[in-house]
Structures are given as C-alpha cells and as structure tokens.
Amino acid sequence: MSHHTASLSIGVMAPGMVSPPPSGVAGQWQIETSTDGVDARFVGHDGTLLGFALAGQATTNKTTLQKSLPALLA
C-alpha cells in the first residue's frame, strides 16, 4: 500500500477553516480556486472525503463538508 502526503499552502488573505486529514492516510487534494476563495478537499482513494481547507467565500461550505466527513473525523 502506498501512502502519499501532500502539503497545502493557501495564499489567500481571507477568513479560513481547516479540517486536516488524519496523519498518514492515503489520498489526494482536489483544489478549486476562484477570485473570492479556495475550496480544497482531501479525498481518499475510495472517494471518501477525509479533510478540507476553505478560504474566503468557500467557507460557506463548512457545515456541508463537516457532515460529509466520516464520524471519527467530524
């Protein structure tokens, strides 16, 4: 089993929210940026949301994403 780690740097001066994935978990960051925010989601190889980082307008997604996290991570 291969484990990948990722470093995420958000260079947006805006309110933010981070729910990091568990240390050592395999997956990848899926990042969407716009002029008013960043929506970055760490997704496991099976498609499960394992963490996220939001900035700017994307912070409006916080509650929805928190509900999508596995019970141990929420």
PDB file of N, CA and C in Angstrom:
ATOM      1  N   MET A   1       0.840  -1.164   0.000  1.00  0.00           N
ATOM      2  CA  MET A   1       0.000   0.000   0.000  1.00  0.00           C
ATOM      3  C   MET A   1       0.893   1.237   0.000  1.00  0.00           C
ATOM      4  N   SER A   2       0.640   2.117  -0.874  1.00  0.00           N
ATOM      5  CA  SER A   2       1.433   3.329  -0.991  1.00  0.00           C
ATOM      6  C   SER A   2       0.734   4.484  -0.290  1.00  0.00           C
ATOM      7  N   HIS A   3       1.484   5.233   0.501  1.00  0.00           N
ATOM      8  CA  HIS A   3       0.931   6.401   1.178  1.00  0.00           C
ATOM      9  C   HIS A   3       1.535   7.649   0.573  1.00  0.00           C
ATOM     10  N   HIS A   4       0.706   8.622   0.317  1.00  0.00           N
ATOM     11  CA  HIS A   4       1.161   9.887  -0.234  1.00  0.00           C
ATOM     12  C   HIS A   4       0.808  10.985   0.748  1.00  0.00           C
ATOM     13  N   THR A   5       1.719  11.899   0.909  1.00  0.00           N
ATOM     14  CA  THR A   5       1.420  13.056   1.738  1.00  0.00           C
ATOM     15  C   THR A   5       1.389  14.276   0.844  1.00  0.00           C
ATOM     16  N   ALA A   6       0.641  15.258   1.252  1.00  0.00           N
ATOM     17  CA  ALA A   6       0.521  16.476   0.466  1.00  0.00           C
ATOM     18  C   ALA A   6       0.653  17.674   1.380  1.00  0.00           C
ATOM     19  N   SER A   7       1.235  18.695   0.857  1.00  0.00           N
ATOM     20  CA  SER A   7       1.339  19.949   1.582  1.00  0.00           C
ATOM     21  C   SER A   7       0.454  20.947   0.868  1.00  0.00           C
ATOM     22  N   LEU A   8      -0.350  21.660   1.623  1.00  0.00           N
ATOM     23  CA  LEU A   8      -1.279  22.620   1.034  1.00  0.00           C
ATOM     24  C   LEU A   8      -0.977  23.985   1.599  1.00  0.00           C
ATOM     25  N   SER A   9      -0.677  24.915   0.738  1.00  0.00           N
ATOM     26  CA  SER A   9      -0.433  26.284   1.154  1.00  0.00           C
ATOM     27  C   SER A   9      -1.481  27.168   0.514  1.00  0.00           C
ATOM     28  N   ILE A  10      -2.237  27.865   1.342  1.00  0.00           N
ATOM     29  CA  ILE A  10      -3.287  28.741   0.824  1.00  0.00           C
ATOM     30  C   ILE A  10      -2.805  30.178   0.954  1.00  0.00           C
ATOM     31  N   GLY A  11      -2.591  30.824  -0.173  1.00  0.00           N
ATOM     32  CA  GLY A  11      -2.093  32.186  -0.179  1.00  0.00           C
ATOM     33  C   GLY A  11      -3.201  33.200  -0.351  1.00  0.00           C
ATOM     34  N   VAL A  12      -4.281  33.043   0.371  1.00  0.00           N
ATOM     35  CA  VAL A  12      -5.420  33.949   0.268  1.00  0.00           C
ATOM     36  C   VAL A  12      -5.573  34.652   1.614  1.00  0.00           C
ATOM     37  N   MET A  13      -5.615  35.949   1.603  1.00  0.00           N
ATOM     38  CA  MET A  13      -5.824  36.703   2.838  1.00  0.00           C
ATOM     39  C   MET A  13      -7.324  36.844   3.058  1.00  0.00           C
ATOM     40  N   ALA A  14      -7.924  35.832   3.639  1.00  0.00           N
ATOM     41  CA  ALA A  14      -9.364  35.809   3.853  1.00  0.00           C
ATOM     42  C   ALA A  14      -9.652  34.871   5.024  1.00  0.00           C
ATOM     43  N   PRO A  15     -10.849  34.961   5.604  1.00  0.00           N
ATOM     44  CA  PRO A  15     -11.201  34.009   6.661  1.00  0.00           C
ATOM     45  C   PRO A  15     -11.050  32.578   6.151  1.00  0.00           C
ATOM     46  N   GLY A  16     -10.628  31.684   7.030  1.00  0.00           N
ATOM     47  CA  GLY A  16     -10.442  30.305   6.592  1.00  0.00           C
ATOM     48  C   GLY A  16     -10.877  29.296   7.630  1.00  0.00           C
ATOM     49  N   MET A  17     -10.980  28.054   7.198  1.00  0.00           N
ATOM     50  CA  MET A  17     -11.379  26.929   8.035  1.00  0.00           C
ATOM     51  C   MET A  17     -10.627  25.712   7.536  1.00  0.00           C
ATOM     52  N   VAL A  18      -9.987  24.968   8.448  1.00  0.00           N
ATOM     53  CA  VAL A  18      -9.246  23.770   8.061  1.00  0.00           C
ATOM     54  C   VAL A  18      -9.677  22.602   8.923  1.00  0.00           C
ATOM     55  N   SER A  19      -9.957  21.483   8.285  1.00  0.00           N
ATOM     56  CA  SER A  19     -10.183  20.212   8.952  1.00  0.00           C
ATOM     57  C   SER A  19      -9.208  19.239   8.290  1.00  0.00           C
ATOM     58  N   PRO A  20      -8.003  19.100   8.843  1.00  0.00           N
ATOM     59  CA  PRO A  20      -6.967  18.304   8.179  1.00  0.00           C
ATOM     60  C   PRO A  20      -7.285  16.809   8.156  1.00  0.00           C
ATOM     61  N   PRO A  21      -6.783  16.124   7.127  1.00  0.00           N
ATOM     62  CA  PRO A  21      -6.964  14.665   7.092  1.00  0.00           C
ATOM     63  C   PRO A  21      -6.085  14.021   8.164  1.00  0.00           C
ATOM     64  N   PRO A  22      -6.417  12.809   8.580  1.00  0.00           N
ATOM     65  CA  PRO A  22      -5.592  12.103   9.562  1.00  0.00           C
ATOM     66  C   PRO A  22      -4.173  11.900   9.022  1.00  0.00           C
ATOM     67  N   SER A  23      -3.207  11.942   9.893  1.00  0.00           N
ATOM     68  CA  SER A  23      -1.813  11.746   9.517  1.00  0.00           C
ATOM     69  C   SER A  23      -1.614  10.358   8.909  1.00  0.00           C
ATOM     70  N   GLY A  24      -0.912  10.305   7.781  1.00  0.00           N
ATOM     71  CA  GLY A  24      -0.560   9.040   7.154  1.00  0.00           C
ATOM     72  C   GLY A  24      -1.617   8.418   6.268  1.00  0.00           C
ATOM     73  N   VAL A  25      -2.783   9.046   6.138  1.00  0.00           N
ATOM     74  CA  VAL A  25      -3.844   8.476   5.310  1.00  0.00           C
ATOM     75  C   VAL A  25      -3.536   8.725   3.824  1.00  0.00           C
ATOM     76  N   ALA A  26      -3.872   7.760   2.978  1.00  0.00           N
ATOM     77  CA  ALA A  26      -3.633   7.882   1.540  1.00  0.00           C
ATOM     78  C   ALA A  26      -4.782   8.629   0.872  1.00  0.00           C
ATOM     79  N   GLY A  27      -4.444   9.473  -0.072  1.00  0.00           N
ATOM     80  CA  GLY A  27      -5.446  10.223  -0.813  1.00  0.00           C
ATOM     81  C   GLY A  27      -4.804  11.377  -1.552  1.00  0.00           C
ATOM     82  N   GLN A  28      -5.631  12.290  -2.027  1.00  0.00           N
ATOM     83  CA  GLN A  28      -5.090  13.437  -2.761  1.00  0.00           C
ATOM     84  C   GLN A  28      -5.959  14.665  -2.548  1.00  0.00           C
ATOM     85  N   TRP A  29      -5.332  15.835  -2.668  1.00  0.00           N
ATOM     86  CA  TRP A  29      -6.051  17.097  -2.576  1.00  0.00           C
ATOM     87  C   TRP A  29      -6.698  17.411  -3.911  1.00  0.00           C
ATOM     88  N   GLN A  30      -7.942  17.846  -3.862  1.00  0.00           N
ATOM     89  CA  GLN A  30      -8.664  18.354  -5.033  1.00  0.00           C
ATOM     90  C   GLN A  30      -8.942  19.817  -4.716  1.00  0.00           C
ATOM     91  N   ILE A  31      -8.347  20.717  -5.485  1.00  0.00           N
ATOM     92  CA  ILE A  31      -8.370  22.132  -5.152  1.00  0.00           C
ATOM     93  C   ILE A  31      -9.059  22.942  -6.239  1.00  0.00           C
ATOM     94  N   GLU A  32     -10.018  23.754  -5.817  1.00  0.00           N
ATOM     95  CA  GLU A  32     -10.695  24.694  -6.713  1.00  0.00           C
ATOM     96  C   GLU A  32     -10.446  26.098  -6.179  1.00  0.00           C
ATOM     97  N   THR A  33     -10.008  26.981  -7.058  1.00  0.00           N
ATOM     98  CA  THR A  33      -9.768  28.354  -6.650  1.00  0.00           C
ATOM     99  C   THR A  33     -10.629  29.299  -7.472  1.00  0.00           C
ATOM    100  N   SER A  34     -10.946  30.429  -6.886  1.00  0.00           N
ATOM    101  CA  SER A  34     -11.676  31.479  -7.586  1.00  0.00           C
ATOM    102  C   SER A  34     -11.138  32.809  -7.074  1.00  0.00           C
ATOM    103  N   THR A  35     -11.632  33.891  -7.606  1.00  0.00           N
ATOM    104  CA  THR A  35     -11.162  35.203  -7.170  1.00  0.00           C
ATOM    105  C   THR A  35     -11.582  35.513  -5.738  1.00  0.00           C
ATOM    106  N   ASP A  36     -12.564  34.789  -5.216  1.00  0.00           N
ATOM    107  CA  ASP A  36     -13.024  35.083  -3.861  1.00  0.00           C
ATOM    108  C   ASP A  36     -12.884  33.923  -2.879  1.00  0.00           C
ATOM    109  N   GLY A  37     -12.082  32.910  -3.216  1.00  0.00           N
ATOM    110  CA  GLY A  37     -11.878  31.842  -2.258  1.00  0.00           C
ATOM    111  C   GLY A  37     -11.171  30.612  -2.791  1.00  0.00           C
ATOM    112  N   VAL A  38     -10.924  29.685  -1.866  1.00  0.00           N
ATOM    113  CA  VAL A  38     -10.286  28.404  -2.170  1.00  0.00           C
ATOM    114  C   VAL A  38     -11.077  27.300  -1.483  1.00  0.00           C
ATOM    115  N   ASP A  39     -11.380  26.240  -2.231  1.00  0.00           N
ATOM    116  CA  ASP A  39     -12.066  25.060  -1.712  1.00  0.00           C
ATOM    117  C   ASP A  39     -11.152  23.880  -2.006  1.00  0.00           C
ATOM    118  N   ALA A  40     -10.468  23.385  -0.972  1.00  0.00           N
ATOM    119  CA  ALA A  40      -9.545  22.261  -1.127  1.00  0.00           C
ATOM    120  C   ALA A  40     -10.077  21.091  -0.310  1.00  0.00           C
ATOM    121  N   ARG A  41     -10.192  19.950  -0.957  1.00  0.00           N
ATOM    122  CA  ARG A  41     -10.727  18.750  -0.292  1.00  0.00           C
ATOM    123  C   ARG A  41      -9.731  17.611  -0.423  1.00  0.00           C
ATOM    124  N   PHE A  42      -9.464  16.926   0.697  1.00  0.00           N
ATOM    125  CA  PHE A  42      -8.594  15.763   0.678  1.00  0.00           C
ATOM    126  C   PHE A  42      -9.488  14.539   0.599  1.00  0.00           C
ATOM    127  N   VAL A  43      -9.356  13.792  -0.489  1.00  0.00           N
ATOM    128  CA  VAL A  43     -10.235  12.664  -0.776  1.00  0.00           C
ATOM    129  C   VAL A  43      -9.417  11.375  -0.795  1.00  0.00           C
ATOM    130  N   GLY A  44      -9.910  10.356  -0.086  1.00  0.00           N
ATOM    131  CA  GLY A  44      -9.265   9.054  -0.082  1.00  0.00           C
ATOM    132  C   GLY A  44      -9.412   8.381  -1.437  1.00  0.00           C
ATOM    133  N   HIS A  45      -8.635   7.328  -1.651  1.00  0.00           N
ATOM    134  CA  HIS A  45      -8.669   6.623  -2.937  1.00  0.00           C
ATOM    135  C   HIS A  45     -10.038   6.012  -3.239  1.00  0.00           C
ATOM    136  N   ASP A  46     -10.857   5.818  -2.213  1.00  0.00           N
ATOM    137  CA  ASP A  46     -12.200   5.278  -2.434  1.00  0.00           C
ATOM    138  C   ASP A  46     -13.243   6.385  -2.632  1.00  0.00           C
ATOM    139  N   GLY A  47     -12.784   7.641  -2.676  1.00  0.00           N
ATOM    140  CA  GLY A  47     -13.686   8.764  -2.898  1.00  0.00           C
ATOM    141  C   GLY A  47     -14.236   9.395  -1.628  1.00  0.00           C
ATOM    142  N   THR A  48     -13.842   8.877  -0.458  1.00  0.00           N
ATOM    143  CA  THR A  48     -14.318   9.405   0.815  1.00  0.00           C
ATOM    144  C   THR A  48     -13.633  10.725   1.147  1.00  0.00           C
ATOM    145  N   LEU A  49     -14.406  11.727   1.541  1.00  0.00           N
ATOM    146  CA  LEU A  49     -13.850  12.985   1.991  1.00  0.00           C
ATOM    147  C   LEU A  49     -13.184  12.753   3.338  1.00  0.00           C
ATOM    148  N   LEU A  50     -11.887  13.123   3.445  1.00  0.00           N
ATOM    149  CA  LEU A  50     -11.134  12.894   4.675  1.00  0.00           C
ATOM    150  C   LEU A  50     -10.646  14.178   5.333  1.00  0.00           C
ATOM    151  N   GLY A  51     -10.755  15.298   4.642  1.00  0.00           N
ATOM    152  CA  GLY A  51     -10.329  16.571   5.202  1.00  0.00           C
ATOM    153  C   GLY A  51     -10.595  17.684   4.210  1.00  0.00           C
ATOM    154  N   PHE A  52     -10.491  18.922   4.681  1.00  0.00           N
ATOM    155  CA  PHE A  52     -10.699  20.050   3.781  1.00  0.00           C
ATOM    156  C   PHE A  52     -10.058  21.309   4.332  1.00  0.00           C
ATOM    157  N   ALA A  53      -9.844  22.267   3.453  1.00  0.00           N
ATOM    158  CA  ALA A  53      -9.360  23.599   3.801  1.00  0.00           C
ATOM    159  C   ALA A  53     -10.157  24.584   2.954  1.00  0.00           C
ATOM    160  N   LEU A  54     -10.736  25.570   3.604  1.00  0.00           N
ATOM    161  CA  LEU A  54     -11.581  26.538   2.916  1.00  0.00           C
ATOM    162  C   LEU A  54     -11.104  27.949   3.231  1.00  0.00           C
ATOM    163  N   ALA A  55     -11.212  28.835   2.263  1.00  0.00           N
ATOM    164  CA  ALA A  55     -10.870  30.241   2.479  1.00  0.00           C
ATOM    165  C   ALA A  55     -11.842  31.114   1.705  1.00  0.00           C
ATOM    166  N   GLY A  56     -12.087  32.313   2.227  1.00  0.00           N
ATOM    167  CA  GLY A  56     -12.969  33.263   1.550  1.00  0.00           C
ATOM    168  C   GLY A  56     -14.394  32.750   1.459  1.00  0.00           C
ATOM    169  N   GLN A  57     -15.034  32.984   0.310  1.00  0.00           N
ATOM    170  CA  GLN A  57     -16.431  32.578   0.099  1.00  0.00           C
ATOM    171  C   GLN A  57     -16.642  31.083   0.280  1.00  0.00           C
ATOM    172  N   ALA A  58     -15.610  30.280   0.034  1.00  0.00           N
ATOM    173  CA  ALA A  58     -15.748  28.824   0.148  1.00  0.00           C
ATOM    174  C   ALA A  58     -16.066  28.383   1.575  1.00  0.00           C
ATOM    175  N   THR A  59     -15.828  29.252   2.562  1.00  0.00           N
ATOM    176  CA  THR A  59     -16.127  28.870   3.944  1.00  0.00           C
ATOM    177  C   THR A  59     -17.620  28.630   4.163  1.00  0.00           C
ATOM    178  N   THR A  60     -18.455  29.070   3.241  1.00  0.00           N
ATOM    179  CA  THR A  60     -19.897  28.806   3.359  1.00  0.00           C
ATOM    180  C   THR A  60     -20.201  27.312   3.207  1.00  0.00           C
ATOM    181  N   ASN A  61     -19.237  26.529   2.711  1.00  0.00           N
ATOM    182  CA  ASN A  61     -19.411  25.077   2.538  1.00  0.00           C
ATOM    183  C   ASN A  61     -19.047  24.290   3.796  1.00  0.00           C
ATOM    184  N   LYS A  62     -18.588  24.960   4.849  1.00  0.00           N
ATOM    185  CA  LYS A  62     -18.074  24.297   6.045  1.00  0.00           C
ATOM    186  C   LYS A  62     -19.036  23.264   6.630  1.00  0.00           C
ATOM    187  N   THR A  63     -20.263  23.642   6.908  1.00  0.00           N
ATOM    188  CA  THR A  63     -21.215  22.738   7.557  1.00  0.00           C
ATOM    189  C   THR A  63     -21.494  21.516   6.694  1.00  0.00           C
ATOM    190  N   THR A  64     -21.698  21.725   5.405  1.00  0.00           N
ATOM    191  CA  THR A  64     -21.965  20.604   4.491  1.00  0.00           C
ATOM    192  C   THR A  64     -20.789  19.633   4.470  1.00  0.00           C
ATOM    193  N   LEU A  65     -19.561  20.163   4.395  1.00  0.00           N
ATOM    194  CA  LEU A  65     -18.382  19.299   4.355  1.00  0.00           C
ATOM    195  C   LEU A  65     -18.181  18.571   5.677  1.00  0.00           C
ATOM    196  N   GLN A  66     -18.400  19.262   6.787  1.00  0.00           N
ATOM    197  CA  GLN A  66     -18.240  18.597   8.089  1.00  0.00           C
ATOM    198  C   GLN A  66     -19.193  17.405   8.211  1.00  0.00           C
ATOM    199  N   LYS A  67     -20.410  17.545   7.693  1.00  0.00           N
ATOM    200  CA  LYS A  67     -21.378  16.442   7.731  1.00  0.00           C
ATOM    201  C   LYS A  67     -20.970  15.292   6.825  1.00  0.00           C
ATOM    202  N   SER A  68     -20.115  15.571   5.829  1.00  0.00           N
ATOM    203  CA  SER A  68     -19.668  14.530   4.894  1.00  0.00           C
ATOM    204  C   SER A  68     -18.452  13.761   5.407  1.00  0.00           C
ATOM    205  N   LEU A  69     -17.798  14.271   6.446  1.00  0.00           N
ATOM    206  CA  LEU A  69     -16.631  13.576   6.992  1.00  0.00           C
ATOM    207  C   LEU A  69     -17.065  12.305   7.713  1.00  0.00           C
ATOM    208  N   PRO A  70     -16.202  11.269   7.686  1.00  0.00           N
ATOM    209  CA  PRO A  70     -16.508  10.072   8.473  1.00  0.00           C
ATOM    210  C   PRO A  70     -16.671  10.448   9.949  1.00  0.00           C
ATOM    211  N   ALA A  71     -17.476   9.710  10.682  1.00  0.00           N
ATOM    212  CA  ALA A  71     -17.818  10.020  12.078  1.00  0.00           C
ATOM    213  C   ALA A  71     -16.594  10.265  12.950  1.00  0.00           C
ATOM    214  N   LEU A  72     -15.518   9.539  12.753  1.00  0.00           N
ATOM    215  CA  LEU A  72     -14.334   9.703  13.594  1.00  0.00           C
ATOM    216  C   LEU A  72     -13.627  11.026  13.340  1.00  0.00           C
ATOM    217  N   LEU A  73     -13.882  11.648  12.191  1.00  0.00           N
ATOM    218  CA  LEU A  73     -13.187  12.872  11.844  1.00  0.00           C
ATOM    219  C   LEU A  73     -14.032  14.115  12.078  1.00  0.00           C
ATOM    220  N   ALA A  74     -15.333  13.977  12.153  1.00  0.00           N
ATOM    221  CA  ALA A  74     -16.226  15.137  12.248  1.00  0.00           C
ATOM    222  C   ALA A  74     -16.088  15.865  13.568  1.00  0.00           C
TER     223      ALA A  74
END
